[in-house]
């Protein structure tokens, strides 16, 4: 069994941090020892501690020798077989700390987002020279790194986030709420690039055509006040309900007829889409990042161009009038997750990567 040290400098809470937590718990169940090093005031530090994962407070700051030395001390204390880094600051600090520590750990740099990577020497250093492997959360991210940056294809592997099929089981999950209206919703952190603005603009176009619809936004984040303000500005308070941060995501999805994901940047393969698929819910999403790897237009859902409220409104109306299409998308989505995107499948692939790295170190 391996000793795995995850490092994360992010203070926030979203899909990236959730994946680290769930991946860690899954590996622990398989007998691996897992430690997460993160800032003591970060969300992942608190949540990992509450979940029973070993956590160590860490200080990640680029170009700061003290940060590198203190992280090297953590590495010498934990003596991990694998150091898996995640965000920019901790990736720089931790990779250099491994070299400084003299402890022969393998290094994995996980790339969660599809944002462009600079073509500088420093990018080549952090993505190609220092790590033993780069793990992406979608094949499109991997291809971008190969074609846009010229990184070695043999060093990059795509392993999308896996879904717990028992937790997201439509036959067992009770709805979190019930509505007599047709229910459409978004689930995720309230960030600008998630496209909530376009969702609200689409609702504004729908409200006079099909009034018997209700719309829900589950999640919290930096755009909370802006979204609330736009709801009021568009006079949508009677149709749009903000649910805040929710831990009962399966129940929220069970309550919806359609899930929308109008994000326009940074996406790998979003967990919320795969979770909706697992719950047999039809999804409308923007064609951005690695989304089209799982959302096959006309088979598992409907794709729209990013930042297009008219297109989103049209597709919501289309699914409203086509229950057979909704059911078909739901069945196909569940099948895709069962076959290719289960938690077990993800953990199998990561364990295989660990084995390869440890054999090469």
Protein backbone atom coordinates (compact mmCIF):
# COMPACT_ATOMS: atom_id res chain seq x y z
CA UNK A 1 0.00 0.00 0.00
CA UNK A 2 1.19 3.51 -0.78
CA UNK A 3 1.64 6.60 1.37
CA UNK A 4 0.10 9.56 -0.48
CA UNK A 5 0.58 13.22 0.38
CA UNK A 6 -1.83 15.64 -1.31
CA UNK A 7 -0.90 19.33 -1.26
CA UNK A 8 -3.49 22.05 -1.89
CA UNK A 9 -2.97 25.81 -1.55
CA UNK A 10 -6.54 26.79 -2.48
CA UNK A 11 -8.58 28.40 0.26
CA UNK A 12 -11.94 27.82 -1.43
CA UNK A 13 -14.32 24.93 -1.85
CA UNK A 14 -15.43 23.56 -5.21
CA UNK A 15 -15.07 20.64 -7.56
CA UNK A 16 -11.27 20.50 -7.27
CA UNK A 17 -11.24 20.32 -3.51
CA UNK A 18 -14.18 17.91 -3.44
CA UNK A 19 -12.32 15.56 -5.76
CA UNK A 20 -9.23 15.58 -3.54
CA UNK A 21 -11.37 14.76 -0.50
CA UNK A 22 -13.36 11.98 -2.17
CA UNK A 23 -10.27 10.51 -3.84
CA UNK A 24 -8.49 10.48 -0.47
CA UNK A 25 -11.37 8.71 1.27
CA UNK A 26 -11.56 6.16 -1.54
CA UNK A 27 -7.85 5.40 -1.34
CA UNK A 28 -8.04 5.07 2.44
CA UNK A 29 -10.77 2.45 2.06
CA UNK A 30 -8.40 0.54 -0.21
CA UNK A 31 -5.75 0.50 2.50
CA UNK A 32 -3.53 3.39 1.42
CA UNK A 33 -2.31 5.97 3.92
CA UNK A 34 -3.34 9.50 2.91
CA UNK A 35 -2.29 12.88 4.30
CA UNK A 36 -3.46 16.29 3.07
CA UNK A 37 -1.23 19.34 3.58
CA UNK A 38 -3.10 22.62 3.24
CA UNK A 39 -3.38 26.05 4.87
CA UNK A 40 -4.89 25.67 8.33
CA UNK A 41 -7.68 28.15 7.53
CA UNK A 42 -8.60 26.58 4.19
CA UNK A 43 -11.90 24.81 3.57
CA UNK A 44 -10.26 21.54 2.61
CA UNK A 45 -8.21 21.44 5.84
CA UNK A 46 -11.36 21.69 7.96
CA UNK A 47 -13.42 19.28 5.86
CA UNK A 48 -10.66 16.70 5.57
CA UNK A 49 -10.14 16.77 9.33
CA UNK A 50 -13.87 16.30 9.90
CA UNK A 51 -13.86 13.38 7.45
CA UNK A 52 -11.11 11.58 9.39
CA UNK A 53 -8.27 12.25 6.96
CA UNK A 54 -4.87 13.12 8.41
CA UNK A 55 -4.17 16.82 7.80
CA UNK A 56 -1.09 18.95 8.31
CA UNK A 57 -1.02 22.76 8.23
CA UNK A 58 1.16 24.03 5.39
CA UNK A 59 2.31 27.36 4.02
CA UNK A 60 2.61 27.56 0.23
CA UNK A 61 4.08 30.70 -1.30
CA UNK A 62 6.03 30.79 -4.54
CA UNK A 63 9.57 32.18 -4.47
CA UNK A 64 9.65 31.94 -0.67
CA UNK A 65 12.55 29.78 0.58
CA UNK A 66 10.92 29.36 4.01
CA UNK A 67 7.81 27.88 2.38
CA UNK A 68 9.92 25.36 0.47
CA UNK A 69 11.94 24.41 3.56
CA UNK A 70 8.83 23.99 5.75
CA UNK A 71 7.18 21.82 3.09
CA UNK A 72 10.36 19.73 2.79
CA UNK A 73 10.07 19.19 6.55
CA UNK A 74 6.51 17.90 6.06
CA UNK A 75 7.72 15.53 3.35
CA UNK A 76 10.51 14.18 5.57
CA UNK A 77 7.99 13.73 8.38
CA UNK A 78 5.35 11.93 6.30
CA UNK A 79 7.81 10.06 4.04
CA UNK A 80 5.23 9.67 1.25
CA UNK A 81 5.64 7.41 -1.74
CA UNK A 82 3.62 9.86 -3.85
CA UNK A 83 3.25 13.64 -3.57
CA UNK A 84 0.19 14.78 -5.52
CA UNK A 85 0.06 18.56 -6.04
CA UNK A 86 -2.99 20.47 -7.24
CA UNK A 87 -2.91 24.29 -7.42
CA UNK A 88 -0.17 26.54 -8.77
CA UNK A 89 1.45 27.66 -5.50
CA UNK A 90 1.54 24.27 -3.81
CA UNK A 91 2.73 22.61 -7.03
CA UNK A 92 5.78 24.88 -7.22
CA UNK A 93 6.59 24.71 -3.54
CA UNK A 94 5.97 20.97 -3.13
CA UNK A 95 7.87 19.88 -6.23
CA UNK A 96 10.93 21.86 -5.15
CA UNK A 97 10.50 20.65 -1.57
CA UNK A 98 10.62 17.01 -2.71
CA UNK A 99 13.94 17.67 -4.41
CA UNK A 100 15.27 19.55 -1.36
CA UNK A 101 14.13 16.88 1.09
CA UNK A 102 16.14 14.13 -0.55
CA UNK A 103 13.17 11.81 -0.05
CA UNK A 104 12.60 9.90 -3.27
CA UNK A 105 8.85 10.44 -3.66
CA UNK A 106 7.12 10.33 -7.00
CA UNK A 107 5.46 13.61 -7.99
CA UNK A 108 2.05 13.92 -9.68
CA UNK A 109 0.74 17.31 -10.76
CA UNK A 110 -3.05 17.20 -11.15
CA UNK A 111 -4.45 19.73 -13.63
CA UNK A 112 -8.12 20.31 -12.84
CA UNK A 113 -8.97 23.28 -15.09
CA UNK A 114 -8.94 23.94 -18.82
CA UNK A 115 -7.55 27.47 -18.60
CA UNK A 116 -4.66 28.03 -21.05
CA UNK A 117 -1.15 27.40 -19.73
CA UNK A 118 1.56 29.89 -20.59
CA UNK A 119 4.29 28.74 -22.96
CA UNK A 120 7.08 29.97 -20.72
CA UNK A 121 10.07 28.02 -19.49
CA UNK A 122 8.64 28.02 -15.97
CA UNK A 123 5.46 26.29 -17.19
CA UNK A 124 7.53 23.61 -18.87
CA UNK A 125 9.44 23.18 -15.63
CA UNK A 126 6.36 22.71 -13.43
CA UNK A 127 4.42 20.53 -15.87
CA UNK A 128 7.14 18.52 -17.58
CA UNK A 129 10.49 18.63 -15.81
CA UNK A 130 9.63 18.41 -12.11
CA UNK A 131 6.67 16.00 -11.94
CA UNK A 132 6.86 12.33 -12.86
CA UNK A 133 3.35 12.53 -14.29
CA UNK A 134 0.56 15.02 -14.92
CA UNK A 135 -3.00 13.90 -14.26
CA UNK A 136 -5.82 15.84 -15.95
CA UNK A 137 -9.54 15.66 -15.23
CA UNK A 138 -10.47 15.45 -18.91
CA UNK A 139 -8.95 14.30 -22.20
CA UNK A 140 -9.48 17.73 -23.78
CA UNK A 141 -7.25 19.30 -21.11
CA UNK A 142 -4.61 16.68 -21.89
CA UNK A 143 -4.83 17.36 -25.63
CA UNK A 144 -4.54 21.11 -25.08
CA UNK A 145 -1.37 20.60 -23.07
CA UNK A 146 0.11 18.41 -25.78
CA UNK A 147 -0.86 20.51 -28.82
CA UNK A 148 -0.79 24.05 -27.39
CA UNK A 149 2.21 23.70 -25.08
CA UNK A 150 4.14 20.87 -26.68
CA UNK A 151 4.29 18.83 -23.47
CA UNK A 152 5.18 15.15 -23.75
CA UNK A 153 2.07 13.05 -24.36
CA UNK A 154 3.57 10.06 -22.56
CA UNK A 155 3.74 11.98 -19.31
CA UNK A 156 0.11 13.15 -19.22
CA UNK A 157 -2.88 10.95 -18.35
CA UNK A 158 -6.57 11.86 -18.22
CA UNK A 159 -8.49 10.48 -15.25
CA UNK A 160 -11.89 12.21 -14.86
CA UNK A 161 -13.52 12.43 -11.47
CA UNK A 162 -15.45 9.33 -10.44
CA UNK A 163 -18.99 9.28 -9.07
CA UNK A 164 -20.23 7.25 -6.10
CA UNK A 165 -22.99 5.25 -7.79
CA UNK A 166 -24.60 4.24 -4.51
CA UNK A 167 -24.83 7.78 -3.20
CA UNK A 168 -26.14 9.00 -6.56
CA UNK A 169 -28.69 6.23 -7.06
CA UNK A 170 -32.04 7.40 -8.51
CA UNK A 171 -33.79 4.32 -7.15
CA UNK A 172 -32.81 5.08 -3.55
CA UNK A 173 -32.54 8.87 -3.24
CA UNK A 174 -35.54 10.83 -2.01
CA UNK A 175 -36.13 14.31 -3.48
CA UNK A 176 -35.00 17.20 -1.30
CA UNK A 177 -38.14 19.11 -2.24
CA UNK A 178 -41.22 18.64 -4.40
CA UNK A 179 -42.73 21.11 -6.81
CA UNK A 180 -45.91 21.00 -8.85
CA UNK A 181 -44.07 22.94 -11.53
CA UNK A 182 -41.48 21.78 -14.05
CA UNK A 183 -38.18 22.22 -12.18
CA UNK A 184 -34.90 23.33 -13.75
CA UNK A 185 -31.73 23.94 -11.78
CA UNK A 186 -28.02 24.58 -11.52
CA UNK A 187 -25.79 22.92 -8.94
CA UNK A 188 -22.31 24.24 -8.20
CA UNK A 189 -20.15 26.98 -6.77
CA UNK A 190 -21.36 30.50 -7.59
CA UNK A 191 -18.46 31.70 -9.72
CA UNK A 192 -18.71 34.12 -12.65
CA UNK A 193 -17.57 31.63 -15.27
CA UNK A 194 -20.19 29.08 -14.24
CA UNK A 195 -22.68 31.11 -16.29
CA UNK A 196 -25.46 31.82 -13.79
CA UNK A 197 -26.03 35.16 -15.55
CA UNK A 198 -26.95 33.34 -18.77
CA UNK A 199 -29.22 30.98 -16.86
CA UNK A 200 -31.12 33.93 -15.40
CA UNK A 201 -31.31 35.67 -18.79
CA UNK A 202 -32.72 32.45 -20.27
CA UNK A 203 -35.33 32.29 -17.51
CA UNK A 204 -36.32 35.85 -18.31
CA UNK A 205 -37.01 34.77 -21.88
CA UNK A 206 -39.02 31.72 -20.78
CA UNK A 207 -41.18 33.16 -18.00
CA UNK A 208 -43.98 34.52 -20.21
CA UNK A 209 -44.01 31.48 -22.49
CA UNK A 210 -44.23 28.72 -19.87
CA UNK A 211 -45.11 30.23 -16.49
CA UNK A 212 -45.52 26.84 -14.79
CA UNK A 213 -41.75 26.43 -14.35
CA UNK A 214 -39.64 26.83 -11.23
CA UNK A 215 -35.89 27.40 -11.24
CA UNK A 216 -33.32 26.56 -8.56
CA UNK A 217 -29.73 27.54 -7.91
CA UNK A 218 -27.89 25.34 -5.40
CA UNK A 219 -24.51 26.45 -4.17
CA UNK A 220 -22.66 29.34 -2.62
CA UNK A 221 -19.66 31.39 -3.63
CA UNK A 222 -18.30 34.82 -4.55
CA UNK A 223 -21.11 35.65 -6.99
CA UNK A 224 -23.92 35.17 -4.46
CA UNK A 225 -24.83 38.84 -4.07
CA UNK A 226 -24.54 39.55 -7.81
CA UNK A 227 -26.86 36.67 -8.63
CA UNK A 228 -29.38 37.76 -6.00
CA UNK A 229 -29.27 41.28 -7.41
CA UNK A 230 -29.88 40.10 -10.97
CA UNK A 231 -32.81 37.96 -9.85
CA UNK A 232 -34.43 41.06 -8.37
CA UNK A 233 -33.53 43.24 -11.33
CA UNK A 234 -35.21 40.81 -13.74
CA UNK A 235 -38.22 40.40 -11.41
CA UNK A 236 -37.66 36.66 -11.11
CA UNK A 237 -38.07 36.35 -7.34
CA UNK A 238 -41.29 34.33 -7.68
CA UNK A 239 -39.68 31.82 -10.06
CA UNK A 240 -36.03 31.49 -9.00
CA UNK A 241 -35.06 30.04 -5.63
CA UNK A 242 -31.52 30.17 -4.24
CA UNK A 243 -30.90 27.13 -2.06
CA UNK A 244 -27.44 28.04 -0.76
CA UNK A 245 -24.73 25.48 -0.11
CA UNK A 246 -26.18 21.98 0.13
CA UNK A 247 -24.62 18.70 1.18
CA UNK A 248 -27.67 16.74 -0.04
CA UNK A 249 -26.75 17.09 -3.72
CA UNK A 250 -28.33 13.73 -4.71
CA UNK A 251 -31.63 14.90 -3.21
CA UNK A 252 -31.43 18.24 -5.01
CA UNK A 253 -30.83 16.48 -8.34
CA UNK A 254 -33.69 14.07 -7.63
CA UNK A 255 -35.97 17.11 -7.29
CA UNK A 256 -35.13 18.53 -10.72
CA UNK A 257 -36.54 17.69 -14.13
CA UNK A 258 -33.62 19.26 -16.01
CA UNK A 259 -30.11 20.25 -14.95
CA UNK A 260 -28.30 23.07 -16.72
CA UNK A 261 -24.59 23.88 -16.78
CA UNK A 262 -23.97 27.02 -18.86
CA UNK A 263 -20.32 27.42 -17.87
CA UNK A 264 -18.08 29.20 -20.36
CA UNK A 265 -14.51 28.62 -19.10
CA UNK A 266 -12.08 26.55 -17.03
CA UNK A 267 -13.98 23.25 -17.09
CA UNK A 268 -12.58 19.77 -17.09
CA UNK A 269 -15.33 17.17 -16.89
CA UNK A 270 -17.65 18.78 -14.29
CA UNK A 271 -18.68 16.58 -11.40
CA UNK A 272 -22.14 18.15 -11.39
CA UNK A 273 -22.81 16.87 -14.91
CA UNK A 274 -21.69 13.34 -14.08
CA UNK A 275 -23.71 13.44 -10.86
CA UNK A 276 -26.79 14.49 -12.83
CA UNK A 277 -26.17 11.65 -15.28
CA UNK A 278 -25.90 9.19 -12.38
CA UNK A 279 -29.29 10.44 -11.14
CA UNK A 280 -30.73 9.92 -14.66
CA UNK A 281 -31.33 13.62 -15.21
CA UNK A 282 -31.14 15.28 -18.65
CA UNK A 283 -28.48 17.99 -18.89
CA UNK A 284 -28.12 21.10 -21.03
CA UNK A 285 -24.55 22.39 -21.02
CA UNK A 286 -22.21 24.72 -22.85
CA UNK A 287 -19.67 23.24 -25.24
CA UNK A 288 -16.57 24.26 -23.31
CA UNK A 289 -13.58 22.54 -21.72
CA UNK A 290 -13.92 18.76 -21.67
CA UNK A 291 -17.72 18.71 -21.32
CA UNK A 292 -18.37 17.16 -24.74
CA UNK A 293 -16.34 14.12 -23.73
CA UNK A 294 -19.33 13.00 -21.66
CA UNK A 295 -22.24 15.10 -22.89
CA UNK A 296 -22.86 13.78 -26.37
CA UNK A 297 -25.29 16.14 -28.05
CA UNK A 298 -28.60 14.41 -28.71
CA UNK A 299 -27.61 11.26 -26.81
CA UNK A 300 -26.81 12.13 -23.20
CA UNK A 301 -28.03 15.74 -23.28
CA UNK A 302 -28.01 18.95 -25.28
CA UNK A 303 -25.01 21.16 -26.00
CA UNK A 304 -25.20 24.89 -26.59
CA UNK A 305 -22.60 27.47 -27.46
CA UNK A 306 -21.24 29.34 -24.43
CA UNK A 307 -22.76 32.66 -23.33
CA UNK A 308 -25.94 32.10 -25.35
CA UNK A 309 -29.04 32.70 -23.24
CA UNK A 310 -31.34 32.37 -26.28
CA UNK A 311 -30.01 28.89 -27.04
CA UNK A 312 -30.32 27.85 -23.40
CA UNK A 313 -33.92 29.07 -23.22
CA UNK A 314 -34.76 27.21 -26.42
CA UNK A 315 -33.31 23.92 -25.18
CA UNK A 316 -35.10 24.18 -21.82
CA UNK A 317 -38.39 24.70 -23.65
CA UNK A 318 -37.59 21.79 -25.98
CA UNK A 319 -37.04 19.41 -23.07
CA UNK A 320 -40.20 20.67 -21.37
CA UNK A 321 -42.25 19.47 -24.32
CA UNK A 322 -40.32 16.21 -24.85
CA UNK A 323 -40.54 13.91 -21.80
CA UNK A 324 -39.42 10.91 -23.86
CA UNK A 325 -36.21 12.76 -24.77
CA UNK A 326 -35.61 13.62 -21.12
CA UNK A 327 -36.03 9.98 -20.09
CA UNK A 328 -33.74 8.78 -22.89
CA UNK A 329 -30.99 11.20 -21.94
CA UNK A 330 -31.27 10.12 -18.32
CA UNK A 331 -30.89 6.41 -19.10
CA UNK A 332 -27.93 7.00 -21.43
CA UNK A 333 -26.24 9.28 -18.90
CA UNK A 334 -26.51 6.72 -16.11
CA UNK A 335 -25.08 4.04 -18.40
CA UNK A 336 -22.06 6.19 -19.30
CA UNK A 337 -21.28 6.83 -15.65
CA UNK A 338 -21.66 3.16 -14.74
CA UNK A 339 -19.35 2.09 -17.57
CA UNK A 340 -16.66 4.77 -17.49
CA UNK A 341 -16.98 7.29 -14.67
CA UNK A 342 -17.62 5.40 -11.44
CA UNK A 343 -15.56 6.09 -8.32
CA UNK A 344 -14.15 2.57 -8.53
CA UNK A 345 -12.99 3.12 -12.10
CA UNK A 346 -11.25 6.37 -11.15
CA UNK A 347 -9.47 4.79 -8.19
CA UNK A 348 -8.36 1.82 -10.31
CA UNK A 349 -6.76 4.17 -12.85
CA UNK A 350 -5.04 6.25 -10.18
CA UNK A 351 -3.69 3.14 -8.45
CA UNK A 352 -2.29 1.98 -11.79
CA UNK A 353 -0.59 5.37 -12.17
CA UNK A 354 0.88 5.09 -8.65
CA UNK A 355 2.24 1.64 -9.47
CA UNK A 356 3.84 2.86 -12.69
CA UNK A 357 5.50 5.83 -10.99
CA UNK A 358 6.76 3.80 -8.05
CA UNK A 359 8.24 1.21 -10.39
CA UNK A 360 10.07 3.97 -12.28
CA UNK A 361 11.31 6.01 -9.30
